[in-house]
C-alpha cells in the first residue's frame, strides 16, 4: 500500500469512526506512530482534522464534515453571498438554506 492509499483509507476510517487514537491507527495500518502522525499532518492540509492531546486524545474529523458530501468552493460561496443581498423573503430563505447546506468550509476557523 502506498502512502497516498493509506492516507485515503485513514480519512475513510475517520469519516466512519469520527475519532481514533494515533496508536490504534498505526497498529491497524501496520506502520509506526510517527508515520501516522506524518499522514495526519498531510491530511490536515486538505481535510478538517483536529488532534486532541491527553489521555483520551487522538485524532478526529471536525463536526459537520462528511467525506462524501459536496461543498461549495470559496469563490462559489462568496458569489452566492453577494447575490443574496438582492434577495427577499422566500428567495432569501432558499439562498440561506443553500449556503447552510453546502457552504461548510472545513478550513474556516483555523
N, C-alpha and C. Protein backbone atom coordinates (compact mmCIF):
# COMPACT_ATOMS: atom_id res chain seq x y z
N UNK A 1 0.85 -1.18 0.00
CA UNK A 1 0.00 0.00 0.00
C UNK A 1 0.89 1.24 0.00
N UNK A 2 0.59 2.17 -0.88
CA UNK A 2 1.37 3.41 -0.95
C UNK A 2 0.91 4.36 0.15
N UNK A 3 1.70 5.39 0.38
CA UNK A 3 1.35 6.40 1.39
C UNK A 3 0.02 7.06 1.04
N UNK A 4 -0.20 7.38 -0.22
CA UNK A 4 -1.46 8.01 -0.62
C UNK A 4 -2.66 7.08 -0.42
N UNK A 5 -2.49 5.81 -0.72
CA UNK A 5 -3.57 4.85 -0.49
C UNK A 5 -3.88 4.73 1.01
N UNK A 6 -2.83 4.68 1.83
CA UNK A 6 -3.01 4.59 3.27
C UNK A 6 -3.72 5.83 3.79
N UNK A 7 -3.32 6.99 3.31
CA UNK A 7 -3.97 8.24 3.76
C UNK A 7 -5.43 8.28 3.38
N UNK A 8 -5.75 7.80 2.18
CA UNK A 8 -7.15 7.75 1.77
C UNK A 8 -7.94 6.83 2.70
N UNK A 9 -7.36 5.70 3.04
CA UNK A 9 -8.04 4.77 3.95
C UNK A 9 -8.17 5.36 5.35
N UNK A 10 -7.16 6.10 5.79
CA UNK A 10 -7.22 6.74 7.11
C UNK A 10 -8.38 7.72 7.16
N UNK A 11 -8.52 8.55 6.14
CA UNK A 11 -9.60 9.53 6.13
C UNK A 11 -10.96 8.83 6.05
N UNK A 12 -11.04 7.72 5.35
CA UNK A 12 -12.29 6.96 5.29
C UNK A 12 -12.63 6.35 6.65
N UNK A 13 -11.61 5.84 7.34
CA UNK A 13 -11.82 5.29 8.68
C UNK A 13 -12.29 6.39 9.63
N UNK A 14 -11.64 7.54 9.58
CA UNK A 14 -12.05 8.65 10.44
C UNK A 14 -13.45 9.15 10.09
N UNK A 15 -13.80 9.10 8.83
CA UNK A 15 -15.15 9.51 8.43
C UNK A 15 -16.20 8.60 9.06
N UNK A 16 -15.89 7.32 9.19
CA UNK A 16 -16.82 6.37 9.83
C UNK A 16 -16.79 6.47 11.35
N UNK A 17 -15.59 6.49 11.93
CA UNK A 17 -15.46 6.45 13.39
C UNK A 17 -15.54 7.84 14.03
N UNK A 18 -15.20 8.86 13.27
CA UNK A 18 -15.15 10.25 13.71
C UNK A 18 -13.94 10.55 14.58
N UNK A 19 -13.48 9.60 15.39
CA UNK A 19 -12.31 9.83 16.24
C UNK A 19 -11.61 8.51 16.51
N UNK A 20 -10.29 8.57 16.62
CA UNK A 20 -9.50 7.39 16.96
C UNK A 20 -8.17 7.87 17.53
N UNK A 21 -7.39 6.94 18.05
CA UNK A 21 -6.06 7.29 18.56
C UNK A 21 -5.02 7.06 17.47
N UNK A 22 -3.94 7.79 17.56
CA UNK A 22 -2.83 7.60 16.61
C UNK A 22 -2.28 6.19 16.76
N UNK A 23 -2.15 5.73 18.01
CA UNK A 23 -1.60 4.40 18.26
C UNK A 23 -2.47 3.32 17.62
N UNK A 24 -3.78 3.43 17.75
CA UNK A 24 -4.68 2.44 17.15
C UNK A 24 -4.57 2.47 15.62
N UNK A 25 -4.52 3.67 15.04
CA UNK A 25 -4.38 3.78 13.59
C UNK A 25 -3.06 3.18 13.12
N UNK A 26 -1.99 3.43 13.86
CA UNK A 26 -0.68 2.87 13.49
C UNK A 26 -0.72 1.35 13.51
N UNK A 27 -1.34 0.78 14.53
CA UNK A 27 -1.44 -0.67 14.61
C UNK A 27 -2.31 -1.22 13.48
N UNK A 28 -3.41 -0.55 13.24
CA UNK A 28 -4.34 -1.02 12.21
C UNK A 28 -3.71 -1.01 10.82
N UNK A 29 -2.88 0.00 10.54
CA UNK A 29 -2.28 0.13 9.22
C UNK A 29 -0.86 -0.45 9.15
N UNK A 30 -0.39 -0.99 10.27
CA UNK A 30 0.91 -1.66 10.29
C UNK A 30 2.08 -0.71 10.04
N UNK A 31 1.98 0.49 10.58
CA UNK A 31 3.06 1.47 10.44
C UNK A 31 3.39 2.03 11.83
N UNK A 32 4.42 2.85 11.90
CA UNK A 32 4.81 3.43 13.18
C UNK A 32 3.92 4.61 13.55
N UNK A 33 3.96 4.97 14.83
CA UNK A 33 3.21 6.15 15.29
C UNK A 33 3.66 7.40 14.53
N UNK A 34 4.94 7.49 14.28
CA UNK A 34 5.48 8.65 13.56
C UNK A 34 4.92 8.74 12.14
N UNK A 35 4.79 7.59 11.47
CA UNK A 35 4.23 7.58 10.12
C UNK A 35 2.78 8.07 10.15
N UNK A 36 2.00 7.61 11.13
CA UNK A 36 0.61 8.07 11.24
C UNK A 36 0.57 9.56 11.52
N UNK A 37 1.44 10.05 12.40
CA UNK A 37 1.48 11.50 12.68
C UNK A 37 1.78 12.27 11.40
N UNK A 38 2.73 11.77 10.62
CA UNK A 38 3.04 12.43 9.34
C UNK A 38 1.85 12.38 8.38
N UNK A 39 1.17 11.24 8.33
CA UNK A 39 -0.02 11.12 7.48
C UNK A 39 -1.10 12.12 7.92
N UNK A 40 -1.32 12.22 9.21
CA UNK A 40 -2.33 13.16 9.73
C UNK A 40 -1.95 14.59 9.40
N UNK A 41 -0.67 14.91 9.48
CA UNK A 41 -0.21 16.26 9.13
C UNK A 41 -0.52 16.56 7.67
N UNK A 42 -0.25 15.62 6.79
CA UNK A 42 -0.53 15.80 5.37
C UNK A 42 -2.04 15.90 5.14
N UNK A 43 -2.81 15.02 5.75
CA UNK A 43 -4.26 15.03 5.58
C UNK A 43 -4.89 16.31 6.11
N UNK A 44 -4.32 16.87 7.16
CA UNK A 44 -4.90 18.08 7.76
C UNK A 44 -4.76 19.30 6.85
N UNK A 45 -3.95 19.21 5.81
CA UNK A 45 -3.83 20.31 4.85
C UNK A 45 -5.06 20.39 3.94
N UNK A 46 -5.77 19.29 3.78
CA UNK A 46 -6.92 19.26 2.87
C UNK A 46 -8.21 18.78 3.51
N UNK A 47 -8.15 18.37 4.77
CA UNK A 47 -9.33 17.87 5.47
C UNK A 47 -9.40 18.53 6.86
N UNK A 48 -10.60 18.69 7.39
CA UNK A 48 -10.75 19.33 8.70
C UNK A 48 -10.48 18.36 9.85
N UNK A 49 -9.20 18.09 10.07
CA UNK A 49 -8.78 17.14 11.09
C UNK A 49 -8.27 17.91 12.31
N UNK A 50 -8.69 17.46 13.48
CA UNK A 50 -8.22 18.03 14.74
C UNK A 50 -7.48 16.96 15.50
N UNK A 51 -6.41 17.36 16.17
CA UNK A 51 -5.72 16.44 17.06
C UNK A 51 -6.03 16.87 18.48
N UNK A 52 -6.16 15.89 19.35
CA UNK A 52 -6.51 16.12 20.75
C UNK A 52 -5.42 15.52 21.62
N UNK A 53 -4.86 16.34 22.48
CA UNK A 53 -3.80 15.85 23.38
C UNK A 53 -4.41 15.28 24.65
N UNK A 54 -3.62 14.47 25.33
CA UNK A 54 -4.04 13.96 26.63
C UNK A 54 -4.37 12.49 26.61
N UNK A 55 -4.77 12.01 27.77
CA UNK A 55 -5.03 10.58 27.96
C UNK A 55 -6.07 10.05 26.97
N UNK A 56 -7.13 10.78 26.76
CA UNK A 56 -8.18 10.35 25.84
C UNK A 56 -8.06 11.06 24.49
N UNK A 57 -6.89 11.50 24.17
CA UNK A 57 -6.66 12.25 22.94
C UNK A 57 -6.62 11.36 21.72
N UNK A 58 -6.30 11.99 20.63
CA UNK A 58 -6.22 11.25 19.37
C UNK A 58 -6.41 12.20 18.21
N UNK A 59 -7.11 11.72 17.23
CA UNK A 59 -7.36 12.50 16.03
C UNK A 59 -8.83 12.33 15.66
N UNK A 60 -9.43 13.44 15.17
CA UNK A 60 -10.84 13.36 14.82
C UNK A 60 -11.15 14.32 13.68
N UNK A 61 -12.25 14.04 13.01
CA UNK A 61 -12.77 14.95 11.99
C UNK A 61 -13.68 15.96 12.67
N UNK A 62 -13.61 17.19 12.22
CA UNK A 62 -14.44 18.24 12.80
C UNK A 62 -15.92 17.90 12.59
N UNK A 63 -16.72 18.32 13.57
CA UNK A 63 -18.16 18.13 13.48
C UNK A 63 -18.70 18.81 12.22
N UNK A 64 -19.64 18.17 11.58
CA UNK A 64 -20.28 18.74 10.41
C UNK A 64 -19.64 18.35 9.09
N UNK A 65 -18.45 17.74 9.13
CA UNK A 65 -17.79 17.35 7.90
C UNK A 65 -18.13 15.92 7.55
N UNK A 66 -18.40 15.68 6.28
CA UNK A 66 -18.61 14.33 5.78
C UNK A 66 -17.81 14.16 4.50
N UNK A 67 -17.12 13.08 4.40
CA UNK A 67 -16.23 12.84 3.27
C UNK A 67 -16.97 12.80 1.94
N UNK A 68 -18.15 12.25 1.91
CA UNK A 68 -18.86 12.06 0.66
C UNK A 68 -19.81 13.21 0.31
N UNK A 69 -19.77 14.25 1.08
CA UNK A 69 -20.65 15.39 0.85
C UNK A 69 -19.96 16.39 -0.06
N UNK A 70 -20.72 17.05 -0.91
CA UNK A 70 -20.19 18.08 -1.80
C UNK A 70 -20.29 19.44 -1.11
N UNK A 71 -19.25 20.25 -1.26
CA UNK A 71 -19.20 21.57 -0.65
C UNK A 71 -18.92 22.62 -1.71
N UNK A 72 -19.36 23.82 -1.43
CA UNK A 72 -19.06 24.94 -2.32
C UNK A 72 -17.60 25.34 -2.18
N UNK A 73 -17.01 25.76 -3.28
CA UNK A 73 -15.67 26.34 -3.25
C UNK A 73 -15.81 27.76 -2.69
N UNK A 74 -14.73 28.31 -2.12
CA UNK A 74 -14.83 29.66 -1.53
C UNK A 74 -15.37 30.71 -2.50
N UNK A 75 -14.95 30.67 -3.77
CA UNK A 75 -15.44 31.68 -4.71
C UNK A 75 -16.93 31.48 -5.02
N UNK A 76 -17.41 30.24 -5.00
CA UNK A 76 -18.82 29.97 -5.19
C UNK A 76 -19.63 30.50 -4.00
N UNK A 77 -19.12 30.27 -2.82
CA UNK A 77 -19.78 30.75 -1.61
C UNK A 77 -19.86 32.27 -1.61
N UNK A 78 -18.76 32.93 -1.94
CA UNK A 78 -18.73 34.39 -1.96
C UNK A 78 -19.73 34.95 -2.96
N UNK A 79 -19.83 34.33 -4.15
CA UNK A 79 -20.79 34.80 -5.15
C UNK A 79 -22.22 34.67 -4.63
N UNK A 80 -22.55 33.55 -4.02
CA UNK A 80 -23.91 33.37 -3.50
C UNK A 80 -24.23 34.37 -2.39
N UNK A 81 -23.25 34.66 -1.57
CA UNK A 81 -23.46 35.65 -0.50
C UNK A 81 -23.73 37.03 -1.11
N UNK A 82 -22.95 37.39 -2.14
CA UNK A 82 -23.18 38.69 -2.81
C UNK A 82 -24.57 38.73 -3.46
N UNK A 83 -24.97 37.65 -4.10
CA UNK A 83 -26.28 37.60 -4.74
C UNK A 83 -27.42 37.65 -3.71
N UNK A 84 -27.18 37.12 -2.54
CA UNK A 84 -28.21 37.07 -1.51
C UNK A 84 -28.62 38.47 -1.03
N UNK A 85 -27.73 39.45 -1.16
CA UNK A 85 -28.05 40.82 -0.72
C UNK A 85 -29.24 41.40 -1.50
N UNK A 86 -29.47 40.94 -2.71
CA UNK A 86 -30.57 41.47 -3.53
C UNK A 86 -31.85 40.64 -3.40
N UNK A 87 -31.82 39.60 -2.59
CA UNK A 87 -32.99 38.73 -2.46
C UNK A 87 -33.84 39.13 -1.26
N UNK A 88 -35.10 38.72 -1.32
CA UNK A 88 -36.03 38.99 -0.23
C UNK A 88 -36.91 37.78 0.02
N UNK A 89 -37.47 37.74 1.19
CA UNK A 89 -38.50 36.78 1.59
C UNK A 89 -38.11 35.33 1.29
N UNK A 90 -38.94 34.64 0.52
CA UNK A 90 -38.73 33.21 0.27
C UNK A 90 -37.44 32.94 -0.49
N UNK A 91 -37.10 33.80 -1.46
CA UNK A 91 -35.86 33.62 -2.22
C UNK A 91 -34.64 33.72 -1.30
N UNK A 92 -34.67 34.66 -0.37
CA UNK A 92 -33.58 34.82 0.58
C UNK A 92 -33.49 33.58 1.49
N UNK A 93 -34.62 33.09 1.92
CA UNK A 93 -34.63 31.89 2.76
C UNK A 93 -34.05 30.69 2.02
N UNK A 94 -34.40 30.56 0.74
CA UNK A 94 -33.86 29.45 -0.06
C UNK A 94 -32.34 29.59 -0.22
N UNK A 95 -31.88 30.81 -0.51
CA UNK A 95 -30.44 31.03 -0.66
C UNK A 95 -29.71 30.73 0.64
N UNK A 96 -30.28 31.16 1.76
CA UNK A 96 -29.65 30.88 3.05
C UNK A 96 -29.58 29.38 3.33
N UNK A 97 -30.61 28.65 2.92
CA UNK A 97 -30.58 27.20 3.13
C UNK A 97 -29.52 26.53 2.25
N UNK A 98 -29.34 27.04 1.04
CA UNK A 98 -28.28 26.51 0.17
C UNK A 98 -26.92 26.75 0.80
N UNK A 99 -26.71 27.97 1.28
CA UNK A 99 -25.43 28.30 1.92
C UNK A 99 -25.20 27.44 3.16
N UNK A 100 -26.24 27.26 3.94
CA UNK A 100 -26.11 26.46 5.16
C UNK A 100 -25.79 25.00 4.82
N UNK A 101 -26.43 24.46 3.80
CA UNK A 101 -26.24 23.05 3.46
C UNK A 101 -24.93 22.75 2.75
N UNK A 102 -24.43 23.70 1.95
CA UNK A 102 -23.29 23.39 1.09
C UNK A 102 -22.06 24.27 1.28
N UNK A 103 -22.13 25.27 2.14
CA UNK A 103 -21.01 26.20 2.24
C UNK A 103 -20.11 25.92 3.43
N UNK A 104 -20.20 24.73 4.01
CA UNK A 104 -19.28 24.37 5.08
C UNK A 104 -17.87 24.45 4.56
N UNK A 105 -17.05 25.23 5.23
CA UNK A 105 -15.64 25.35 4.82
C UNK A 105 -14.80 24.72 5.91
N UNK A 106 -14.25 23.52 5.67
CA UNK A 106 -13.51 22.82 6.72
C UNK A 106 -12.27 23.55 7.19
N UNK A 107 -11.80 24.53 6.44
CA UNK A 107 -10.59 25.23 6.86
C UNK A 107 -10.89 26.55 7.55
N UNK A 108 -12.17 26.94 7.65
CA UNK A 108 -12.53 28.14 8.38
C UNK A 108 -12.28 27.92 9.86
N UNK A 109 -11.92 28.96 10.54
CA UNK A 109 -11.72 28.88 11.97
C UNK A 109 -10.37 28.34 12.37
N UNK A 110 -9.50 28.14 11.43
CA UNK A 110 -8.16 27.64 11.76
C UNK A 110 -7.22 28.78 12.01
